[in-house]
Structure formats: C-alpha cells, structure tokens
Amino acid sequence: MQFLSFLPTYRQRNLFLLGVGVFALLLIYLVSIRQTLGLYRTYRVNRAAIARAASAPGEIARLEAQVAALQQNGLKVYDQENLLVEVTRFCREHELLITTFPSSDRVVENGYPIITNTLEVQGGYKDMVRLVHLLEQRERLGSVGSLKFYTQKDRISKKTYLRLSIVLRNLAA
C-alpha cells in the first residue's frame, strides 16, 4: 500500500478507502443504476396498464351490468334537462323561485362517474320539502347530498326570504 503512504495510520487509510468506496458507489448509482431503476419502474407501470387494457372489455361489461341493476332499482340515468324540467314544473305549481341552477360537476368516485348539481330555490318551507321529496323519492332524479336552509334579506325590498340549497348527486350515463 505504497500509494496510501501519505496517510500515516491504518485508521486514516481505512477511512480514506471507505470514503473512496462510498464516492465510487454514489458515482455508479448516479451514472447507471438510477436510470436502470427508473426504466424498471416505467416498465412495471406499462405492464400494469397493458393488463388493465386486456381486461377492459370484461370490466366494461361488469360496470354496464351494475348500471343496469341500479336502473332496475328505480334510479334514473342522469339527464340535466329532465331535472330542470321537473324542478321548473314543480316550482311553477308551488310558487317557488329557482335562484340558481349552475352547470353540473362530474367526478369519479370509486370507479363510478358521479354528477353533482347544486340548485337554490326560494319560497315556503313546506313547498321546499315537497320539492326535495319529489326529486329523491317520487321522480328518483338522484340522491340528495346535502340540504341547507337559510334566510337572505333583500336590500331593496327590505324583506327576508327563505332559501334552500340542494346538492343532488346521480350516476352519469
């Protein structure tokens, strides 16, 4: 070990060799092993995607069967126009005012596409409860995610109005 003669003790020589070894391993990792591990991770992800793609027709058939079973239970396939027609008809008959009816939000929860509508109605308490019953029980246009009754004061007429915010959720077609 003439090449390590600049280090006087064996302990210093061993620490130096250990440091060189760690540096060499780090250099080897950065140059080749890291790229190999990255390629292997990509390979595993691609292999899983190919397996999912191969089983896709069976999965589609299973999901269509589940949707058909849910429809047989009385849940209608979502149609925003149908929802608007039913709510408008009911509000005209019971003198309720639709204050907001924004476009629906679409999300995927547990593999099922869910459509969420938020609508606000202004009027009497009993008529609002009847509207909720119509949407969820009689017409089965979705399940009610939340209800929020609140009052809002009109600054022009100085009157207080009761409002209802309904979050209605349904399966997407």
Foldseek 3Di string as FASTA:
>chain_A
DVVPVVDPDPVVVVVVVVVVVVVVVVVCCVPPVVVVVVVVVVVVVVVVVVVCVVCVVVVVVVVVVVVVVVVVVPADAADVVVVVVVLVVLCVVVVKAWPDWDAWDWDADPNFIKIKTKTKIWDDDVSVVVSQCCCCPVNNNAHWPDKDWDWDADPVVRDIIIMIITIGMDTHD
